[in-house]
Amino acid sequence: MIERGAVVRSSIVMHGCRIGAGAIVDHAILDKEVTVGPGAVVGTGEPVANARQPGTLSSGITVVGKAAAIPSGARIGRGCIIGPDLAEEAVGNVASGATVLS
């Protein structure tokens, strides 16, 4: 479900995802059942390679794992990997090229 005022650009959003009001998802892949809180931004800043997986994730696309929760108002950079099943408290703001796992 994409709520009022949310924007999704150049992204893949699997089923069961919820993108909150006013959120932006740009150049990202969201696995199943991902929640993006209201006003959060996934895919912000300049495209960079992921620091842990530069050979695999080098174009600036951000990948969010199954059932992860991005908190309201969070800023997730480009080229990030957000692991599956992460609660909002485990994610927060993430710099471009970073990886957040359990």
C-alpha atoms as a PDB file:
ATOM      1  CA  MET A   1       0.000   0.000   0.000  1.00  0.00           C
ATOM      2  CA  ILE A   2       1.310   3.417  -0.935  1.00  0.00           C
ATOM      3  CA  GLU A   3      -0.237   6.113   1.233  1.00  0.00           C
ATOM      4  CA  ARG A   4      -1.249   9.637   0.223  1.00  0.00           C
ATOM      5  CA  GLY A   5       1.629  11.903  -0.761  1.00  0.00           C
ATOM      6  CA  ALA A   6       4.209   9.110  -0.975  1.00  0.00           C
ATOM      7  CA  VAL A   7       6.465   8.999  -4.048  1.00  0.00           C
ATOM      8  CA  VAL A   8       8.008   5.868  -5.578  1.00  0.00           C
ATOM      9  CA  ARG A   9      10.509   6.399  -8.428  1.00  0.00           C
ATOM     10  CA  SER A  10      12.607   3.910 -10.402  1.00  0.00           C
ATOM     11  CA  SER A  11      12.074   1.231  -7.756  1.00  0.00           C
ATOM     12  CA  ILE A  12      10.836  -2.315  -7.316  1.00  0.00           C
ATOM     13  CA  VAL A  13       8.314  -2.811  -4.520  1.00  0.00           C
ATOM     14  CA  MET A  14       7.309  -6.397  -3.708  1.00  0.00           C
ATOM     15  CA  HIS A  15       3.850  -7.312  -2.400  1.00  0.00           C
ATOM     16  CA  GLY A  16       2.792  -6.578   1.141  1.00  0.00           C
ATOM     17  CA  CYS A  17       4.894  -3.408   1.462  1.00  0.00           C
ATOM     18  CA  ARG A  18       3.568  -0.276   3.142  1.00  0.00           C
ATOM     19  CA  ILE A  19       4.968   3.125   2.189  1.00  0.00           C
ATOM     20  CA  GLY A  20       3.802   5.796   4.603  1.00  0.00           C
ATOM     21  CA  ALA A  21       2.341   9.188   3.817  1.00  0.00           C
ATOM     22  CA  GLY A  22       4.888  11.623   2.439  1.00  0.00           C
ATOM     23  CA  ALA A  23       7.646   8.998   2.194  1.00  0.00           C
ATOM     24  CA  ILE A  24       9.972   8.819  -0.820  1.00  0.00           C
ATOM     25  CA  VAL A  25      11.426   5.619  -2.277  1.00  0.00           C
ATOM     26  CA  ASP A  26      13.926   6.316  -5.070  1.00  0.00           C
ATOM     27  CA  HIS A  27      16.150   3.780  -6.870  1.00  0.00           C
ATOM     28  CA  ALA A  28      15.444   1.031  -4.358  1.00  0.00           C
ATOM     29  CA  ILE A  29      14.362  -2.588  -4.168  1.00  0.00           C
ATOM     30  CA  LEU A  30      11.976  -3.351  -1.309  1.00  0.00           C
ATOM     31  CA  ASP A  31      11.498  -7.026  -0.535  1.00  0.00           C
ATOM     32  CA  LYS A  32       8.149  -8.383   0.694  1.00  0.00           C
ATOM     33  CA  GLU A  33       6.407  -6.848   3.721  1.00  0.00           C
ATOM     34  CA  VAL A  34       8.763  -3.869   4.119  1.00  0.00           C
ATOM     35  CA  THR A  35       7.384  -0.876   6.007  1.00  0.00           C
ATOM     36  CA  VAL A  36       8.605   2.637   5.202  1.00  0.00           C
ATOM     37  CA  GLY A  37       7.400   5.078   7.841  1.00  0.00           C
ATOM     38  CA  PRO A  38       5.723   8.381   7.059  1.00  0.00           C
ATOM     39  CA  GLY A  39       8.137  11.032   5.831  1.00  0.00           C
ATOM     40  CA  ALA A  40      11.062   8.600   5.480  1.00  0.00           C
ATOM     41  CA  VAL A  41      13.349   8.748   2.447  1.00  0.00           C
ATOM     42  CA  VAL A  42      14.900   5.588   0.996  1.00  0.00           C
ATOM     43  CA  GLY A  43      17.550   6.374  -1.619  1.00  0.00           C
ATOM     44  CA  THR A  44      18.813   9.866  -0.916  1.00  0.00           C
ATOM     45  CA  GLY A  45      22.097  11.506  -1.918  1.00  0.00           C
ATOM     46  CA  GLU A  46      24.605  10.739  -4.639  1.00  0.00           C
ATOM     47  CA  PRO A  47      24.861   7.179  -6.018  1.00  0.00           C
ATOM     48  CA  VAL A  48      27.706   5.243  -4.405  1.00  0.00           C
ATOM     49  CA  ALA A  49      28.789   1.613  -4.273  1.00  0.00           C
ATOM     50  CA  ASN A  50      28.027  -0.386  -1.171  1.00  0.00           C
ATOM     51  CA  ALA A  51      31.120  -0.599   1.055  1.00  0.00           C
ATOM     52  CA  ARG A  52      30.676  -4.349   1.796  1.00  0.00           C
ATOM     53  CA  GLN A  53      29.496  -5.470  -1.644  1.00  0.00           C
ATOM     54  CA  PRO A  54      30.961  -2.997  -4.175  1.00  0.00           C
ATOM     55  CA  GLY A  55      31.173  -5.592  -6.948  1.00  0.00           C
ATOM     56  CA  THR A  56      27.509  -6.536  -6.602  1.00  0.00           C
ATOM     57  CA  LEU A  57      25.901  -3.276  -5.577  1.00  0.00           C
ATOM     58  CA  SER A  58      27.723  -0.481  -7.365  1.00  0.00           C
ATOM     59  CA  SER A  59      25.052   1.616  -9.110  1.00  0.00           C
ATOM     60  CA  GLY A  60      23.584   3.328  -6.049  1.00  0.00           C
ATOM     61  CA  ILE A  61      20.492   1.134  -5.721  1.00  0.00           C
ATOM     62  CA  THR A  62      19.400   0.582  -2.118  1.00  0.00           C
ATOM     63  CA  VAL A  63      18.123  -2.880  -1.131  1.00  0.00           C
ATOM     64  CA  VAL A  64      15.788  -3.394   1.833  1.00  0.00           C
ATOM     65  CA  GLY A  65      15.305  -6.967   3.080  1.00  0.00           C
ATOM     66  CA  LYS A  66      12.061  -8.788   3.783  1.00  0.00           C
ATOM     67  CA  ALA A  67       9.916  -7.415   6.624  1.00  0.00           C
ATOM     68  CA  ALA A  68      12.376  -4.644   7.549  1.00  0.00           C
ATOM     69  CA  ALA A  69      10.917  -1.471   9.061  1.00  0.00           C
ATOM     70  CA  ILE A  70      12.247   1.967   8.139  1.00  0.00           C
ATOM     71  CA  PRO A  71      11.251   4.450  10.870  1.00  0.00           C
ATOM     72  CA  SER A  72       9.254   7.617  10.277  1.00  0.00           C
ATOM     73  CA  GLY A  73      11.430  10.478   9.065  1.00  0.00           C
ATOM     74  CA  ALA A  74      14.534   8.283   8.571  1.00  0.00           C
ATOM     75  CA  ARG A  75      17.012   9.020   5.779  1.00  0.00           C
ATOM     76  CA  ILE A  76      18.493   5.999   4.011  1.00  0.00           C
ATOM     77  CA  GLY A  77      21.255   6.799   1.509  1.00  0.00           C
ATOM     78  CA  ARG A  78      21.993   5.252  -1.864  1.00  0.00           C
ATOM     79  CA  GLY A  79      23.874   2.005  -2.288  1.00  0.00           C
ATOM     80  CA  CYS A  80      22.709   0.728   1.108  1.00  0.00           C
ATOM     81  CA  ILE A  81      21.782  -2.758   2.226  1.00  0.00           C
ATOM     82  CA  ILE A  82      19.191  -3.007   4.991  1.00  0.00           C
ATOM     83  CA  GLY A  83      18.917  -6.585   6.251  1.00  0.00           C
ATOM     84  CA  PRO A  84      15.682  -8.541   6.630  1.00  0.00           C
ATOM     85  CA  ASP A  85      13.431  -8.503   9.702  1.00  0.00           C
ATOM     86  CA  LEU A  86      14.985  -5.385  11.222  1.00  0.00           C
ATOM     87  CA  ALA A  87      12.826  -3.355  13.613  1.00  0.00           C
ATOM     88  CA  GLU A  88      12.660   0.434  13.365  1.00  0.00           C
ATOM     89  CA  GLU A  89      14.993   0.770  16.367  1.00  0.00           C
ATOM     90  CA  ALA A  90      17.719  -1.139  14.505  1.00  0.00           C
ATOM     91  CA  VAL A  91      17.634   1.015  11.380  1.00  0.00           C
ATOM     92  CA  GLY A  92      17.538   4.796  11.994  1.00  0.00           C
ATOM     93  CA  ASN A  93      19.413   7.036   9.538  1.00  0.00           C
ATOM     94  CA  VAL A  94      21.870   5.223   7.249  1.00  0.00           C
ATOM     95  CA  ALA A  95      24.680   6.878   5.247  1.00  0.00           C
ATOM     96  CA  SER A  96      25.093   6.084   1.544  1.00  0.00           C
ATOM     97  CA  GLY A  97      27.052   2.887   0.915  1.00  0.00           C
ATOM     98  CA  ALA A  98      26.430   1.471   4.393  1.00  0.00           C
ATOM     99  CA  THR A  99      25.066  -1.942   5.399  1.00  0.00           C
ATOM    100  CA  VAL A 100      22.778  -2.566   8.363  1.00  0.00           C
ATOM    101  CA  LEU A 101      22.296  -6.177   9.401  1.00  0.00           C
ATOM    102  CA  SER A 102      20.871  -7.666  12.586  1.00  0.00           C
END
